[in-house]
Amino acid sequence: VIGDLIERMGKITAQLKRFARKSPLDLSAVPIGLPISNALFLIEPRLQKEGVTLDYDKPARPSYVFADANRLEQVLVNLFANALDAMTHSGLKQLTVMVRTDIDHATITVGDTGEGISQAAQAHLFEPFFTTKEQGKGLGLGLAISVGILREFGGTLKGVNRRGGGAEFIITLRTAAQEDVVETA
């Protein structure tokens, strides 16, 4: 048991070091599932603690996007954490992650079963220092930073209300052509 705990601590520490690293922008062909899996790994303890069900609709085949893997992971962790915060008082707690790709674009949709986005919040969603969280619970920088990161990749982020309740945030990124993929050993 102790050996397993030490191994898990090592994985978490490696993830946190990679997550916190401030490196220059490194756009390359990134397998879309990698930053998603890494971000889910980081929030897994919170999913379990808060009784949140994960519905991850993985891509049917390997897909690549132009991104900086570390920064895309940061965006995803922020979106996942926001979704969990939004479901604090929900009876049904389900985090949904869906990936869709076509020739030119890939979308990653992060959905929750929270209260959704109010009309007042919709207009200010991506403004720095705007937050709907109670005092001391958030700075209102996560979405503004996430939009900036995705813009650097040539991507977009939008937030909408889901049919049936809750909110979803949709990341759109350019897909990478097969010849752009750099295989690593």
N, C-alpha and C. Protein backbone atom coordinates (compact mmCIF):
# COMPACT_ATOMS: atom_id res chain seq x y z
N VAL A 1 0.83 -1.19 0.00
CA VAL A 1 0.00 0.00 0.00
C VAL A 1 0.87 1.25 0.00
N ILE A 2 1.91 1.24 0.84
CA ILE A 2 2.81 2.40 0.91
C ILE A 2 3.51 2.61 -0.42
N GLY A 3 3.94 1.51 -1.05
CA GLY A 3 4.59 1.61 -2.36
C GLY A 3 3.67 2.23 -3.40
N ASP A 4 2.39 1.81 -3.39
CA ASP A 4 1.41 2.37 -4.33
C ASP A 4 1.20 3.87 -4.07
N LEU A 5 1.13 4.24 -2.79
CA LEU A 5 0.95 5.65 -2.45
C LEU A 5 2.15 6.50 -2.90
N ILE A 6 3.35 5.97 -2.72
CA ILE A 6 4.56 6.69 -3.13
C ILE A 6 4.57 6.86 -4.66
N GLU A 7 4.19 5.80 -5.37
CA GLU A 7 4.13 5.89 -6.83
C GLU A 7 3.12 6.94 -7.27
N ARG A 8 1.94 6.96 -6.64
CA ARG A 8 0.91 7.95 -6.96
C ARG A 8 1.41 9.36 -6.64
N MET A 9 2.08 9.54 -5.50
CA MET A 9 2.62 10.86 -5.14
C MET A 9 3.64 11.32 -6.18
N GLY A 10 4.46 10.39 -6.66
CA GLY A 10 5.44 10.73 -7.70
C GLY A 10 4.77 11.20 -8.97
N LYS A 11 3.68 10.51 -9.37
CA LYS A 11 2.95 10.91 -10.58
C LYS A 11 2.32 12.29 -10.40
N ILE A 12 1.72 12.51 -9.24
CA ILE A 12 1.09 13.81 -8.98
C ILE A 12 2.13 14.91 -8.98
N THR A 13 3.27 14.68 -8.34
CA THR A 13 4.34 15.69 -8.30
C THR A 13 4.84 16.00 -9.71
N ALA A 14 5.03 14.98 -10.54
CA ALA A 14 5.48 15.20 -11.92
C ALA A 14 4.46 16.01 -12.70
N GLN A 15 3.17 15.68 -12.50
CA GLN A 15 2.10 16.43 -13.18
C GLN A 15 2.10 17.89 -12.74
N LEU A 16 2.21 18.11 -11.44
CA LEU A 16 2.18 19.49 -10.92
C LEU A 16 3.38 20.29 -11.41
N LYS A 17 4.55 19.66 -11.47
CA LYS A 17 5.74 20.36 -11.98
C LYS A 17 5.55 20.75 -13.44
N ARG A 18 5.02 19.84 -14.24
CA ARG A 18 4.78 20.12 -15.65
C ARG A 18 3.72 21.21 -15.80
N PHE A 19 2.70 21.15 -14.96
CA PHE A 19 1.59 22.11 -15.00
C PHE A 19 2.08 23.52 -14.64
N ALA A 20 2.97 23.62 -13.65
CA ALA A 20 3.41 24.93 -13.15
C ALA A 20 4.52 25.55 -13.99
N ARG A 21 5.16 24.76 -14.83
CA ARG A 21 6.31 25.25 -15.59
C ARG A 21 5.92 26.39 -16.52
N LYS A 22 6.66 27.48 -16.45
CA LYS A 22 6.46 28.63 -17.34
C LYS A 22 7.50 28.52 -18.45
N SER A 23 7.10 27.95 -19.55
CA SER A 23 8.02 27.77 -20.66
C SER A 23 7.54 28.60 -21.85
N PRO A 24 8.45 28.86 -22.81
CA PRO A 24 8.03 29.59 -23.99
C PRO A 24 6.99 28.78 -24.77
N LEU A 25 6.17 29.50 -25.51
CA LEU A 25 5.13 28.84 -26.30
C LEU A 25 5.76 27.86 -27.27
N ASP A 26 5.30 26.63 -27.25
CA ASP A 26 5.84 25.57 -28.10
C ASP A 26 4.69 24.92 -28.86
N LEU A 27 4.28 25.57 -29.96
CA LEU A 27 3.19 25.02 -30.76
C LEU A 27 3.70 23.82 -31.54
N SER A 28 2.99 22.71 -31.39
CA SER A 28 3.33 21.51 -32.14
C SER A 28 2.07 20.67 -32.26
N ALA A 29 2.19 19.58 -32.98
CA ALA A 29 1.07 18.65 -33.12
C ALA A 29 0.98 17.84 -31.83
N VAL A 30 -0.11 18.03 -31.11
CA VAL A 30 -0.31 17.38 -29.81
C VAL A 30 -1.44 16.37 -29.93
N PRO A 31 -1.22 15.13 -29.47
CA PRO A 31 -2.35 14.19 -29.45
C PRO A 31 -3.40 14.71 -28.48
N ILE A 32 -4.61 14.95 -28.97
CA ILE A 32 -5.64 15.66 -28.21
C ILE A 32 -5.99 14.97 -26.89
N GLY A 33 -5.87 13.66 -26.84
CA GLY A 33 -6.21 12.93 -25.62
C GLY A 33 -5.22 13.11 -24.49
N LEU A 34 -3.97 13.45 -24.79
CA LEU A 34 -2.93 13.55 -23.77
C LEU A 34 -3.20 14.66 -22.75
N PRO A 35 -3.39 15.93 -23.17
CA PRO A 35 -3.65 16.96 -22.16
C PRO A 35 -4.98 16.74 -21.43
N ILE A 36 -5.95 16.12 -22.09
CA ILE A 36 -7.22 15.82 -21.42
C ILE A 36 -6.98 14.80 -20.31
N SER A 37 -6.28 13.72 -20.63
CA SER A 37 -5.99 12.68 -19.63
C SER A 37 -5.18 13.25 -18.47
N ASN A 38 -4.18 14.08 -18.77
CA ASN A 38 -3.37 14.67 -17.72
C ASN A 38 -4.19 15.58 -16.81
N ALA A 39 -5.07 16.39 -17.40
CA ALA A 39 -5.91 17.29 -16.61
C ALA A 39 -6.90 16.49 -15.76
N LEU A 40 -7.47 15.43 -16.32
CA LEU A 40 -8.40 14.60 -15.55
C LEU A 40 -7.67 13.92 -14.39
N PHE A 41 -6.44 13.52 -14.62
CA PHE A 41 -5.64 12.91 -13.55
C PHE A 41 -5.47 13.88 -12.38
N LEU A 42 -5.24 15.14 -12.69
CA LEU A 42 -5.04 16.14 -11.63
C LEU A 42 -6.31 16.41 -10.82
N ILE A 43 -7.47 16.33 -11.45
CA ILE A 43 -8.71 16.62 -10.70
C ILE A 43 -9.41 15.36 -10.20
N GLU A 44 -8.86 14.19 -10.50
CA GLU A 44 -9.49 12.93 -10.10
C GLU A 44 -9.81 12.86 -8.60
N PRO A 45 -8.89 13.26 -7.72
CA PRO A 45 -9.24 13.20 -6.28
C PRO A 45 -10.46 14.06 -5.94
N ARG A 46 -10.58 15.19 -6.57
CA ARG A 46 -11.73 16.06 -6.30
C ARG A 46 -13.02 15.44 -6.85
N LEU A 47 -12.95 14.79 -8.00
CA LEU A 47 -14.13 14.10 -8.55
C LEU A 47 -14.64 13.07 -7.54
N GLN A 48 -13.72 12.28 -7.00
CA GLN A 48 -14.09 11.25 -6.04
C GLN A 48 -14.64 11.86 -4.76
N LYS A 49 -13.95 12.87 -4.24
CA LYS A 49 -14.35 13.49 -2.97
C LYS A 49 -15.75 14.10 -3.06
N GLU A 50 -16.06 14.71 -4.21
CA GLU A 50 -17.33 15.42 -4.35
C GLU A 50 -18.43 14.57 -5.00
N GLY A 51 -18.12 13.31 -5.28
CA GLY A 51 -19.12 12.40 -5.84
C GLY A 51 -19.58 12.78 -7.24
N VAL A 52 -18.64 13.24 -8.07
CA VAL A 52 -18.95 13.65 -9.43
C VAL A 52 -18.67 12.48 -10.38
N THR A 53 -19.63 12.20 -11.24
CA THR A 53 -19.48 11.17 -12.26
C THR A 53 -18.82 11.80 -13.49
N LEU A 54 -17.90 11.07 -14.09
CA LEU A 54 -17.22 11.53 -15.30
C LEU A 54 -17.77 10.79 -16.50
N ASP A 55 -18.17 11.54 -17.51
CA ASP A 55 -18.60 10.97 -18.79
C ASP A 55 -17.63 11.51 -19.84
N TYR A 56 -16.62 10.72 -20.18
CA TYR A 56 -15.59 11.15 -21.14
C TYR A 56 -15.79 10.39 -22.44
N ASP A 57 -16.21 11.11 -23.46
CA ASP A 57 -16.41 10.56 -24.79
C ASP A 57 -15.12 10.78 -25.57
N LYS A 58 -14.24 9.79 -25.50
CA LYS A 58 -12.91 9.89 -26.12
C LYS A 58 -13.02 9.86 -27.64
N PRO A 59 -12.01 10.47 -28.31
CA PRO A 59 -12.01 10.41 -29.78
C PRO A 59 -11.92 8.96 -30.26
N ALA A 60 -12.62 8.67 -31.35
CA ALA A 60 -12.63 7.31 -31.89
C ALA A 60 -11.26 6.90 -32.44
N ARG A 61 -10.52 7.86 -32.97
CA ARG A 61 -9.19 7.57 -33.51
C ARG A 61 -8.23 8.66 -33.05
N PRO A 62 -6.94 8.37 -33.05
CA PRO A 62 -5.98 9.39 -32.60
C PRO A 62 -6.10 10.67 -33.44
N SER A 63 -6.19 11.79 -32.76
CA SER A 63 -6.30 13.09 -33.43
C SER A 63 -5.26 14.02 -32.83
N TYR A 64 -4.80 14.94 -33.65
CA TYR A 64 -3.77 15.88 -33.23
C TYR A 64 -4.25 17.31 -33.47
N VAL A 65 -3.84 18.21 -32.57
CA VAL A 65 -4.16 19.63 -32.71
C VAL A 65 -2.88 20.44 -32.56
N PHE A 66 -2.89 21.66 -33.14
CA PHE A 66 -1.77 22.58 -32.93
C PHE A 66 -1.98 23.25 -31.58
N ALA A 67 -1.06 23.01 -30.66
CA ALA A 67 -1.18 23.58 -29.33
C ALA A 67 0.15 23.43 -28.61
N ASP A 68 0.22 24.03 -27.45
CA ASP A 68 1.28 23.78 -26.49
C ASP A 68 0.63 22.87 -25.46
N ALA A 69 1.08 21.63 -25.36
CA ALA A 69 0.41 20.63 -24.52
C ALA A 69 0.26 21.08 -23.08
N ASN A 70 1.29 21.68 -22.51
CA ASN A 70 1.26 22.12 -21.12
C ASN A 70 0.20 23.21 -20.91
N ARG A 71 0.15 24.16 -21.81
CA ARG A 71 -0.82 25.26 -21.66
C ARG A 71 -2.25 24.79 -21.93
N LEU A 72 -2.42 23.87 -22.87
CA LEU A 72 -3.75 23.32 -23.10
C LEU A 72 -4.22 22.57 -21.86
N GLU A 73 -3.32 21.86 -21.23
CA GLU A 73 -3.64 21.17 -19.98
C GLU A 73 -4.08 22.17 -18.91
N GLN A 74 -3.41 23.31 -18.82
CA GLN A 74 -3.78 24.35 -17.85
C GLN A 74 -5.20 24.85 -18.11
N VAL A 75 -5.53 25.08 -19.37
CA VAL A 75 -6.89 25.52 -19.73
C VAL A 75 -7.91 24.47 -19.30
N LEU A 76 -7.62 23.22 -19.58
CA LEU A 76 -8.56 22.14 -19.25
C LEU A 76 -8.74 21.99 -17.74
N VAL A 77 -7.66 22.08 -16.98
CA VAL A 77 -7.78 22.00 -15.52
C VAL A 77 -8.67 23.13 -15.02
N ASN A 78 -8.50 24.33 -15.57
CA ASN A 78 -9.33 25.47 -15.17
C ASN A 78 -10.80 25.20 -15.49
N LEU A 79 -11.08 24.72 -16.70
CA LEU A 79 -12.47 24.45 -17.08
C LEU A 79 -13.08 23.33 -16.22
N PHE A 80 -12.30 22.29 -15.94
CA PHE A 80 -12.80 21.20 -15.10
C PHE A 80 -13.09 21.71 -13.69
N ALA A 81 -12.16 22.50 -13.12
CA ALA A 81 -12.36 23.03 -11.77
C ALA A 81 -13.58 23.96 -11.71
N ASN A 82 -13.75 24.79 -12.74
CA ASN A 82 -14.93 25.66 -12.79
C ASN A 82 -16.21 24.83 -12.84
N ALA A 83 -16.21 23.77 -13.62
CA ALA A 83 -17.39 22.90 -13.73
C ALA A 83 -17.70 22.28 -12.37
N LEU A 84 -16.68 21.82 -11.67
CA LEU A 84 -16.89 21.23 -10.34
C LEU A 84 -17.43 22.28 -9.37
N ASP A 85 -16.89 23.49 -9.42
CA ASP A 85 -17.40 24.57 -8.57
C ASP A 85 -18.87 24.86 -8.86
N ALA A 86 -19.25 24.82 -10.13
CA ALA A 86 -20.62 25.12 -10.53
C ALA A 86 -21.61 24.06 -10.04
N MET A 87 -21.11 22.86 -9.76
CA MET A 87 -22.00 21.77 -9.34
C MET A 87 -22.04 21.57 -7.82
N THR A 88 -21.45 22.47 -7.07
CA THR A 88 -21.37 22.32 -5.62
C THR A 88 -22.73 22.01 -4.99
N HIS A 89 -23.77 22.71 -5.42
CA HIS A 89 -25.09 22.55 -4.80
C HIS A 89 -26.06 21.73 -5.67
N SER A 90 -25.54 21.04 -6.68
CA SER A 90 -26.40 20.25 -7.57
C SER A 90 -26.65 18.87 -6.98
N GLY A 91 -27.85 18.37 -7.22
CA GLY A 91 -28.16 17.01 -6.81
C GLY A 91 -27.44 16.00 -7.69
N LEU A 92 -27.50 16.20 -8.99
CA LEU A 92 -26.80 15.37 -9.97
C LEU A 92 -25.50 16.07 -10.33
N LYS A 93 -24.40 15.37 -10.12
CA LYS A 93 -23.08 15.96 -10.42
C LYS A 93 -22.40 15.11 -11.49
N GLN A 94 -22.38 15.66 -12.71
CA GLN A 94 -21.77 14.93 -13.81
C GLN A 94 -20.92 15.89 -14.64
N LEU A 95 -19.65 15.53 -14.79
CA LEU A 95 -18.73 16.27 -15.65
C LEU A 95 -18.67 15.52 -16.97
N THR A 96 -18.93 16.24 -18.06
CA THR A 96 -18.92 15.64 -19.39
C THR A 96 -17.78 16.24 -20.20
N VAL A 97 -17.00 15.38 -20.82
CA VAL A 97 -15.92 15.81 -21.70
C VAL A 97 -16.12 15.07 -23.03
N MET A 98 -16.26 15.86 -24.10
CA MET A 98 -16.52 15.26 -25.41
C MET A 98 -15.54 15.86 -26.43
N VAL A 99 -14.99 15.01 -27.27
CA VAL A 99 -14.05 15.44 -28.30
C VAL A 99 -14.62 15.08 -29.66
N ARG A 100 -14.62 16.06 -30.57
CA ARG A 100 -15.06 15.85 -31.94
C ARG A 100 -14.01 16.45 -32.87
N THR A 101 -13.71 15.76 -33.96
CA THR A 101 -12.72 16.29 -34.90
C THR A 101 -13.25 16.16 -36.32
N ASP A 102 -12.78 17.08 -37.17
CA ASP A 102 -12.97 16.95 -38.61
C ASP A 102 -11.64 17.29 -39.26
N ILE A 103 -11.62 17.51 -40.53
CA ILE A 103 -10.35 17.74 -41.23
C ILE A 103 -9.63 18.99 -40.73
N ASP A 104 -10.37 20.07 -40.46
CA ASP A 104 -9.74 21.34 -40.11
C ASP A 104 -9.72 21.67 -38.63
N HIS A 105 -10.70 21.17 -37.87
CA HIS A 105 -10.84 21.60 -36.48
C HIS A 105 -11.15 20.44 -35.54
N ALA A 106 -10.82 20.67 -34.28
CA ALA A 106 -11.20 19.74 -33.22
C ALA A 106 -11.90 20.57 -32.15
N THR A 107 -12.91 19.99 -31.54
CA THR A 107 -13.58 20.66 -30.42
C THR A 107 -13.51 19.76 -29.20
N ILE A 108 -13.27 20.41 -28.07
CA ILE A 108 -13.32 19.75 -26.77
C ILE A 108 -14.43 20.47 -26.02
N THR A 109 -15.46 19.74 -25.64
CA THR A 109 -16.59 20.32 -24.92
C THR A 109 -16.56 19.82 -23.49
N VAL A 110 -16.58 20.77 -22.54
CA VAL A 110 -16.60 20.47 -21.11
C VAL A 110 -17.95 20.92 -20.57
N GLY A 111 -18.76 19.97 -20.11
CA GLY A 111 -20.09 20.29 -19.62
C GLY A 111 -20.27 19.93 -18.16
N ASP A 112 -21.20 20.62 -17.51
CA ASP A 112 -21.52 20.33 -16.12
C ASP A 112 -23.03 20.30 -15.93
N THR A 113 -23.46 19.89 -14.75
CA THR A 113 -24.88 19.85 -14.40
C THR A 113 -25.19 20.88 -13.33
N GLY A 114 -24.49 22.00 -13.37
CA GLY A 114 -24.72 23.08 -12.41
C GLY A 114 -25.90 23.94 -12.83
N GLU A 115 -25.90 25.18 -12.36
CA GLU A 115 -27.02 26.10 -12.61
C GLU A 115 -26.98 26.75 -13.98
N GLY A 116 -25.89 26.65 -14.69
CA GLY A 116 -25.77 27.30 -15.99
C GLY A 116 -25.20 28.70 -15.84
N ILE A 117 -25.18 29.42 -16.95
CA ILE A 117 -24.61 30.77 -17.00
C ILE A 117 -25.75 31.76 -17.06
N SER A 118 -25.80 32.66 -16.08
CA SER A 118 -26.87 33.66 -16.07
C SER A 118 -26.68 34.62 -17.24
N GLN A 119 -27.77 35.28 -17.62
CA GLN A 119 -27.71 36.24 -18.72
C GLN A 119 -26.75 37.38 -18.38
N ALA A 120 -26.75 37.81 -17.13
CA ALA A 120 -25.85 38.89 -16.70
C ALA A 120 -24.39 38.46 -16.81
N ALA A 121 -24.09 37.22 -16.44
CA ALA A 121 -22.72 36.72 -16.50
C ALA A 121 -22.26 36.48 -17.93
N GLN A 122 -23.18 36.10 -18.79
CA GLN A 122 -22.84 35.77 -20.18
C GLN A 122 -22.06 36.90 -20.87
N ALA A 123 -22.47 38.14 -20.63
CA ALA A 123 -21.85 39.29 -21.29
C ALA A 123 -20.43 39.57 -20.79
N HIS A 124 -20.09 39.08 -19.60
CA HIS A 124 -18.79 39.40 -18.98
C HIS A 124 -17.91 38.18 -18.75
N LEU A 125 -18.31 37.05 -19.26
CA LEU A 125 -17.70 35.77 -18.95
C LEU A 125 -16.18 35.73 -19.06
N PHE A 126 -15.64 36.35 -20.09
CA PHE A 126 -14.20 36.25 -20.35
C PHE A 126 -13.44 37.52 -19.98
N GLU A 127 -14.07 38.41 -19.23
CA GLU A 127 -13.40 39.63 -18.78
C GLU A 127 -12.55 39.34 -17.54
N PRO A 128 -11.34 39.92 -17.49
CA PRO A 128 -10.50 39.73 -16.31
C PRO A 128 -11.21 40.26 -15.06
N PHE A 129 -11.07 39.53 -13.97
CA PHE A 129 -11.59 39.86 -12.64
C PHE A 129 -13.11 39.75 -12.52
N PHE A 130 -13.79 39.23 -13.53
CA PHE A 130 -15.22 38.98 -13.40
C PHE A 130 -15.39 37.56 -12.86
N THR A 131 -16.14 37.43 -11.79
CA THR A 131 -16.42 36.12 -11.21
C THR A 131 -17.82 36.08 -10.64
N THR A 132 -18.40 34.90 -10.68
CA THR A 132 -19.70 34.69 -10.05
C THR A 132 -19.54 33.96 -8.72
N LYS A 133 -18.30 33.66 -8.37
CA LYS A 133 -18.03 32.95 -7.12
C LYS A 133 -18.08 33.93 -5.95
N GLU A 134 -18.34 33.37 -4.77
CA GLU A 134 -18.41 34.23 -3.59
C GLU A 134 -17.03 34.80 -3.26
N GLN A 135 -17.04 35.89 -2.49
CA GLN A 135 -15.82 36.61 -2.12
C GLN A 135 -14.77 35.63 -1.59
N GLY A 136 -13.56 35.73 -2.11
CA GLY A 136 -12.46 34.90 -1.65
C GLY A 136 -12.39 33.52 -2.30
N LYS A 137 -13.33 33.19 -3.16
CA LYS A 137 -13.35 31.86 -3.79
C LYS A 137 -12.77 31.85 -5.19
N GLY A 138 -12.60 33.01 -5.79
CA GLY A 138 -12.04 33.05 -7.14
C GLY A 138 -11.66 34.47 -7.51
N LEU A 139 -10.65 34.60 -8.35
CA LEU A 139 -10.18 35.92 -8.76
C LEU A 139 -10.84 36.41 -10.04
N GLY A 140 -11.45 35.53 -10.79
CA GLY A 140 -12.04 35.92 -12.06
C GLY A 140 -11.01 36.04 -13.17
N LEU A 141 -9.92 35.29 -13.04
CA LEU A 141 -8.88 35.34 -14.07
C LEU A 141 -8.79 34.08 -14.91
N GLY A 142 -9.33 32.97 -14.43
CA GLY A 142 -9.19 31.69 -15.11
C GLY A 142 -9.67 31.68 -16.54
N LEU A 143 -10.89 32.16 -16.78
CA LEU A 143 -11.42 32.15 -18.15
C LEU A 143 -10.72 33.17 -19.03
N ALA A 144 -10.37 34.34 -18.47
CA ALA A 144 -9.66 35.35 -19.25
C ALA A 144 -8.30 34.82 -19.70
N ILE A 145 -7.60 34.16 -18.80
CA ILE A 145 -6.29 33.58 -19.14
C ILE A 145 -6.47 32.44 -20.15
N SER A 146 -7.49 31.62 -19.95
CA SER A 146 -7.74 30.50 -20.87
C SER A 146 -8.01 30.98 -22.28
N VAL A 147 -8.83 32.03 -22.43
CA VAL A 147 -9.11 32.59 -23.76
C VAL A 147 -7.81 33.08 -24.40
N GLY A 148 -6.97 33.75 -23.63
CA GLY A 148 -5.70 34.25 -24.15
C GLY A 148 -4.79 33.13 -24.62
N ILE A 149 -4.71 32.06 -23.83
CA ILE A 149 -3.88 30.91 -24.21
C ILE A 149 -4.38 30.30 -25.51
N LEU A 150 -5.68 30.09 -25.60
CA LEU A 150 -6.23 29.47 -26.80
C LEU A 150 -6.07 30.36 -28.03
N ARG A 151 -6.16 31.66 -27.84
CA ARG A 151 -5.93 32.60 -28.95
C ARG A 151 -4.51 32.45 -29.49
N GLU A 152 -3.54 32.25 -28.58
CA GLU A 152 -2.16 32.04 -29.02
C GLU A 152 -2.04 30.83 -29.94
N PHE A 153 -2.90 29.83 -29.75
CA PHE A 153 -2.88 28.63 -30.59
C PHE A 153 -3.68 28.81 -31.87
N GLY A 154 -4.39 29.95 -32.00
CA GLY A 154 -5.30 30.14 -33.12
C GLY A 154 -6.65 29.49 -32.84
N GLY A 155 -6.94 29.26 -31.56
CA GLY A 155 -8.19 28.60 -31.17
C GLY A 155 -9.16 29.57 -30.52
N THR A 156 -10.30 29.04 -30.11
CA THR A 156 -11.35 29.84 -29.48
C THR A 156 -11.92 29.10 -28.28
N LEU A 157 -12.63 29.87 -27.45
CA LEU A 157 -13.36 29.32 -26.31
C LEU A 157 -14.68 30.05 -26.21
N LYS A 158 -15.77 29.30 -26.09
CA LYS A 158 -17.06 29.94 -25.85
C LYS A 158 -17.79 29.17 -24.76
N GLY A 159 -18.66 29.90 -24.05
CA GLY A 159 -19.44 29.30 -22.99
C GLY A 159 -20.92 29.47 -23.28
N VAL A 160 -21.68 28.41 -23.14
CA VAL A 160 -23.12 28.43 -23.41
C VAL A 160 -23.84 27.60 -22.36
N ASN A 161 -25.15 27.79 -22.28
CA ASN A 161 -25.98 26.96 -21.43
C ASN A 161 -26.34 25.69 -22.19
N ARG A 162 -26.38 24.59 -21.46
CA ARG A 162 -26.73 23.29 -22.05
C ARG A 162 -28.24 23.11 -22.05
N ARG A 163 -28.72 22.41 -23.04
CA ARG A 163 -30.13 22.00 -23.02
C ARG A 163 -30.29 21.06 -21.83
N GLY A 164 -31.30 21.28 -21.05
CA GLY A 164 -31.54 20.43 -19.88
C GLY A 164 -30.84 20.91 -18.62
N GLY A 165 -30.10 22.01 -18.71
CA GLY A 165 -29.45 22.57 -17.52
C GLY A 165 -27.95 22.42 -17.52
N GLY A 166 -27.31 23.31 -16.81
CA GLY A 166 -25.86 23.30 -16.73
C GLY A 166 -25.24 24.18 -17.80
N ALA A 167 -23.93 24.17 -17.84
CA ALA A 167 -23.19 24.98 -18.80
C ALA A 167 -22.21 24.09 -19.54
N GLU A 168 -21.75 24.58 -20.68
CA GLU A 168 -20.66 23.90 -21.37
C GLU A 168 -19.74 24.93 -21.99
N PHE A 169 -18.48 24.59 -21.98
CA PHE A 169 -17.45 25.43 -22.58
C PHE A 169 -16.84 24.64 -23.72
N ILE A 170 -16.74 25.31 -24.87
CA ILE A 170 -16.32 24.64 -26.09
C ILE A 170 -15.01 25.25 -26.59
N ILE A 171 -13.99 24.42 -26.61
CA ILE A 171 -12.68 24.79 -27.14
C ILE A 171 -12.64 24.34 -28.60
N THR A 172 -12.23 25.24 -29.49
CA THR A 172 -12.03 24.87 -30.88
C THR A 172 -10.57 25.13 -31.23
N LEU A 173 -9.92 24.13 -31.79
CA LEU A 173 -8.51 24.22 -32.17
C LEU A 173 -8.32 23.71 -33.59
N ARG A 174 -7.24 24.17 -34.22
CA ARG A 174 -6.91 23.68 -35.56
C ARG A 174 -6.34 22.26 -35.43
N THR A 175 -6.77 21.38 -36.31
CA THR A 175 -6.18 20.04 -36.32
C THR A 175 -4.82 20.11 -37.00
N ALA A 176 -3.98 19.17 -36.65
CA ALA A 176 -2.65 19.07 -37.25
C ALA A 176 -2.70 17.99 -38.31
N ALA A 177 -2.09 18.27 -39.45
CA ALA A 177 -2.01 17.28 -40.53
C ALA A 177 -1.02 16.19 -40.13
N GLN A 178 -1.17 15.02 -40.68
CA GLN A 178 -0.31 13.89 -40.33
C GLN A 178 1.17 14.23 -40.50
N GLU A 179 1.51 15.00 -41.53
CA GLU A 179 2.94 15.32 -41.75
C GLU A 179 3.49 16.28 -40.70
N ASP A 180 2.61 16.92 -39.92
CA ASP A 180 3.06 17.82 -38.86
C ASP A 180 3.36 17.09 -37.55
N VAL A 181 2.96 15.85 -37.47
CA VAL A 181 3.14 15.08 -36.24
C VAL A 181 4.58 14.63 -36.12
N VAL A 182 5.18 14.99 -34.99
CA VAL A 182 6.55 14.58 -34.72
C VAL A 182 6.49 13.42 -33.76
N GLU A 183 6.91 12.26 -34.22
CA GLU A 183 6.89 11.07 -33.35
C GLU A 183 8.07 11.14 -32.39
N THR A 184 7.80 10.80 -31.13
CA THR A 184 8.86 10.77 -30.14
C THR A 184 9.02 9.34 -29.63
N ALA A 185 10.24 8.99 -29.31
CA ALA A 185 10.49 7.62 -28.83
C ALA A 185 10.39 7.56 -27.34
